[in-house]
Amino acid sequence: MIPRIKAIFEQHPAYNPITGPTFPVFGERTPTEELIAAGWGYVAIDPASIQADNAAGLTRGIIGLVNKGQTRKPDDWGSLRAWAWGAARARLS
């Protein structure tokens, strides 16, 4: 079972979400503040946490996991496809 983002954040008390608009009194809001105020959210993904971007990492990461630690064949997925796979699995709550 894949843990939900909310459960992960609950386990890590250092996480400090923005609970409401906290904008500077003077000046305009940043684009991030505008999105949050409109009810949107965002996530930052480190692609290297899914799959390294070098040939040495092809026996590790998701490619190494799928290939059971063996090197990949030329027609198997590469780093870009692995990153897309990982990003597609990011979800909130």
C-alpha atoms as a PDB file:
ATOM      1  CA  MET A   1       0.000   0.000   0.000  1.00  0.00           C
ATOM      2  CA  ILE A   2       1.331   3.416  -0.946  1.00  0.00           C
ATOM      3  CA  PRO A   3       1.124   5.878   1.964  1.00  0.00           C
ATOM      4  CA  ARG A   4      -0.846   9.016   1.278  1.00  0.00           C
ATOM      5  CA  ILE A   5       0.952  12.356   1.426  1.00  0.00           C
ATOM      6  CA  LYS A   6      -1.216  13.426   4.396  1.00  0.00           C
ATOM      7  CA  ALA A   7      -0.090  10.382   6.415  1.00  0.00           C
ATOM      8  CA  ILE A   8       3.561  11.101   5.622  1.00  0.00           C
ATOM      9  CA  PHE A   9       3.234  14.730   6.704  1.00  0.00           C
ATOM     10  CA  GLU A  10       1.524  13.676   9.938  1.00  0.00           C
ATOM     11  CA  GLN A  11       4.544  11.497  10.727  1.00  0.00           C
ATOM     12  CA  HIS A  12       6.949  14.401  10.184  1.00  0.00           C
ATOM     13  CA  PRO A  13       6.045  17.288  12.521  1.00  0.00           C
ATOM     14  CA  ALA A  14       8.565  19.616  10.869  1.00  0.00           C
ATOM     15  CA  TYR A  15       6.034  20.004   8.059  1.00  0.00           C
ATOM     16  CA  ASN A  16       4.411  23.406   8.493  1.00  0.00           C
ATOM     17  CA  PRO A  17       1.570  23.924   6.000  1.00  0.00           C
ATOM     18  CA  ILE A  18       0.257  27.316   5.016  1.00  0.00           C
ATOM     19  CA  THR A  19      -3.208  27.270   6.539  1.00  0.00           C
ATOM     20  CA  GLY A  20      -4.456  30.575   5.244  1.00  0.00           C
ATOM     21  CA  PRO A  21      -3.377  33.596   3.279  1.00  0.00           C
ATOM     22  CA  THR A  22      -0.320  35.080   4.964  1.00  0.00           C
ATOM     23  CA  PHE A  23       0.692  37.809   2.598  1.00  0.00           C
ATOM     24  CA  PRO A  24       2.863  40.834   3.146  1.00  0.00           C
ATOM     25  CA  VAL A  25       0.977  43.962   4.074  1.00  0.00           C
ATOM     26  CA  PHE A  26       2.790  45.976   1.444  1.00  0.00           C
ATOM     27  CA  GLY A  27       3.461  44.820  -2.079  1.00  0.00           C
ATOM     28  CA  GLU A  28       1.901  42.275  -4.351  1.00  0.00           C
ATOM     29  CA  ARG A  29       1.507  38.565  -3.772  1.00  0.00           C
ATOM     30  CA  THR A  30       3.924  36.125  -5.331  1.00  0.00           C
ATOM     31  CA  PRO A  31       2.514  33.688  -7.902  1.00  0.00           C
ATOM     32  CA  THR A  32       2.704  30.896  -5.297  1.00  0.00           C
ATOM     33  CA  GLU A  33       0.703  32.983  -2.814  1.00  0.00           C
ATOM     34  CA  GLU A  34      -1.882  33.715  -5.512  1.00  0.00           C
ATOM     35  CA  LEU A  35      -2.338  30.014  -6.227  1.00  0.00           C
ATOM     36  CA  ILE A  36      -2.676  29.118  -2.542  1.00  0.00           C
ATOM     37  CA  ALA A  37      -5.171  31.941  -1.958  1.00  0.00           C
ATOM     38  CA  ALA A  38      -7.227  30.596  -4.883  1.00  0.00           C
ATOM     39  CA  GLY A  39      -7.364  27.159  -3.233  1.00  0.00           C
ATOM     40  CA  TRP A  40      -4.708  25.461  -5.353  1.00  0.00           C
ATOM     41  CA  GLY A  41      -1.713  23.558  -4.094  1.00  0.00           C
ATOM     42  CA  TYR A  42       1.560  22.407  -5.568  1.00  0.00           C
ATOM     43  CA  VAL A  43       4.164  19.747  -5.037  1.00  0.00           C
ATOM     44  CA  ALA A  44       7.893  19.669  -5.727  1.00  0.00           C
ATOM     45  CA  ILE A  45       9.313  16.338  -6.841  1.00  0.00           C
ATOM     46  CA  ASP A  46      13.003  15.470  -6.804  1.00  0.00           C
ATOM     47  CA  PRO A  47      13.380  13.245  -9.891  1.00  0.00           C
ATOM     48  CA  ALA A  48      16.587  11.728  -8.496  1.00  0.00           C
ATOM     49  CA  SER A  49      14.521  10.225  -5.661  1.00  0.00           C
ATOM     50  CA  ILE A  50      12.701   8.146  -8.305  1.00  0.00           C
ATOM     51  CA  GLN A  51      15.565   7.349 -10.657  1.00  0.00           C
ATOM     52  CA  ALA A  52      19.142   8.602 -11.001  1.00  0.00           C
ATOM     53  CA  ASP A  53      20.007  10.388 -14.236  1.00  0.00           C
ATOM     54  CA  ASN A  54      23.101   8.391 -15.066  1.00  0.00           C
ATOM     55  CA  ALA A  55      23.952   4.955 -16.417  1.00  0.00           C
ATOM     56  CA  ALA A  56      25.372   3.819 -13.069  1.00  0.00           C
ATOM     57  CA  GLY A  57      21.928   4.281 -11.500  1.00  0.00           C
ATOM     58  CA  LEU A  58      20.095   2.024 -13.951  1.00  0.00           C
ATOM     59  CA  THR A  59      20.440  -0.984 -11.632  1.00  0.00           C
ATOM     60  CA  ARG A  60      18.883   1.087  -8.820  1.00  0.00           C
ATOM     61  CA  GLY A  61      15.788   3.260  -8.455  1.00  0.00           C
ATOM     62  CA  ILE A  62      12.508   2.191 -10.013  1.00  0.00           C
ATOM     63  CA  ILE A  63      14.233   0.792 -13.111  1.00  0.00           C
ATOM     64  CA  GLY A  64      16.491  -1.389 -10.966  1.00  0.00           C
ATOM     65  CA  LEU A  65      13.508  -2.452  -8.860  1.00  0.00           C
ATOM     66  CA  VAL A  66      11.484  -3.498 -11.911  1.00  0.00           C
ATOM     67  CA  ASN A  67      14.514  -5.231 -13.454  1.00  0.00           C
ATOM     68  CA  LYS A  68      15.406  -6.859 -10.103  1.00  0.00           C
ATOM     69  CA  GLY A  69      18.825  -5.179 -10.028  1.00  0.00           C
ATOM     70  CA  GLN A  70      19.799  -6.265 -13.528  1.00  0.00           C
ATOM     71  CA  THR A  71      20.889  -3.814 -16.194  1.00  0.00           C
ATOM     72  CA  ARG A  72      18.168  -2.640 -18.510  1.00  0.00           C
ATOM     73  CA  LYS A  73      17.780  -3.583 -22.153  1.00  0.00           C
ATOM     74  CA  PRO A  74      18.067  -0.797 -24.749  1.00  0.00           C
ATOM     75  CA  ASP A  75      14.302  -0.814 -25.403  1.00  0.00           C
ATOM     76  CA  ASP A  76      13.341  -0.683 -21.666  1.00  0.00           C
ATOM     77  CA  TRP A  77      12.374   2.598 -20.058  1.00  0.00           C
ATOM     78  CA  GLY A  78      14.915   5.227 -19.273  1.00  0.00           C
ATOM     79  CA  SER A  79      15.081   7.988 -16.694  1.00  0.00           C
ATOM     80  CA  LEU A  80      12.480  10.257 -18.335  1.00  0.00           C
ATOM     81  CA  ARG A  81       9.866   7.536 -18.390  1.00  0.00           C
ATOM     82  CA  ALA A  82      10.712   6.564 -14.802  1.00  0.00           C
ATOM     83  CA  TRP A  83      10.295  10.200 -13.676  1.00  0.00           C
ATOM     84  CA  ALA A  84       6.934  10.442 -15.452  1.00  0.00           C
ATOM     85  CA  TRP A  85       5.853   7.202 -13.757  1.00  0.00           C
ATOM     86  CA  GLY A  86       6.825   8.588 -10.331  1.00  0.00           C
ATOM     87  CA  ALA A  87       5.242  11.998 -10.908  1.00  0.00           C
ATOM     88  CA  ALA A  88       1.990  10.358 -11.972  1.00  0.00           C
ATOM     89  CA  ARG A  89       1.802   8.681  -8.575  1.00  0.00           C
ATOM     90  CA  ALA A  90       2.071  11.901  -6.531  1.00  0.00           C
ATOM     91  CA  ARG A  91      -1.251  12.675  -4.902  1.00  0.00           C
ATOM     92  CA  LEU A  92      -2.535  14.677  -1.975  1.00  0.00           C
ATOM     93  CA  SER A  93      -4.593  13.467   1.006  1.00  0.00           C
END
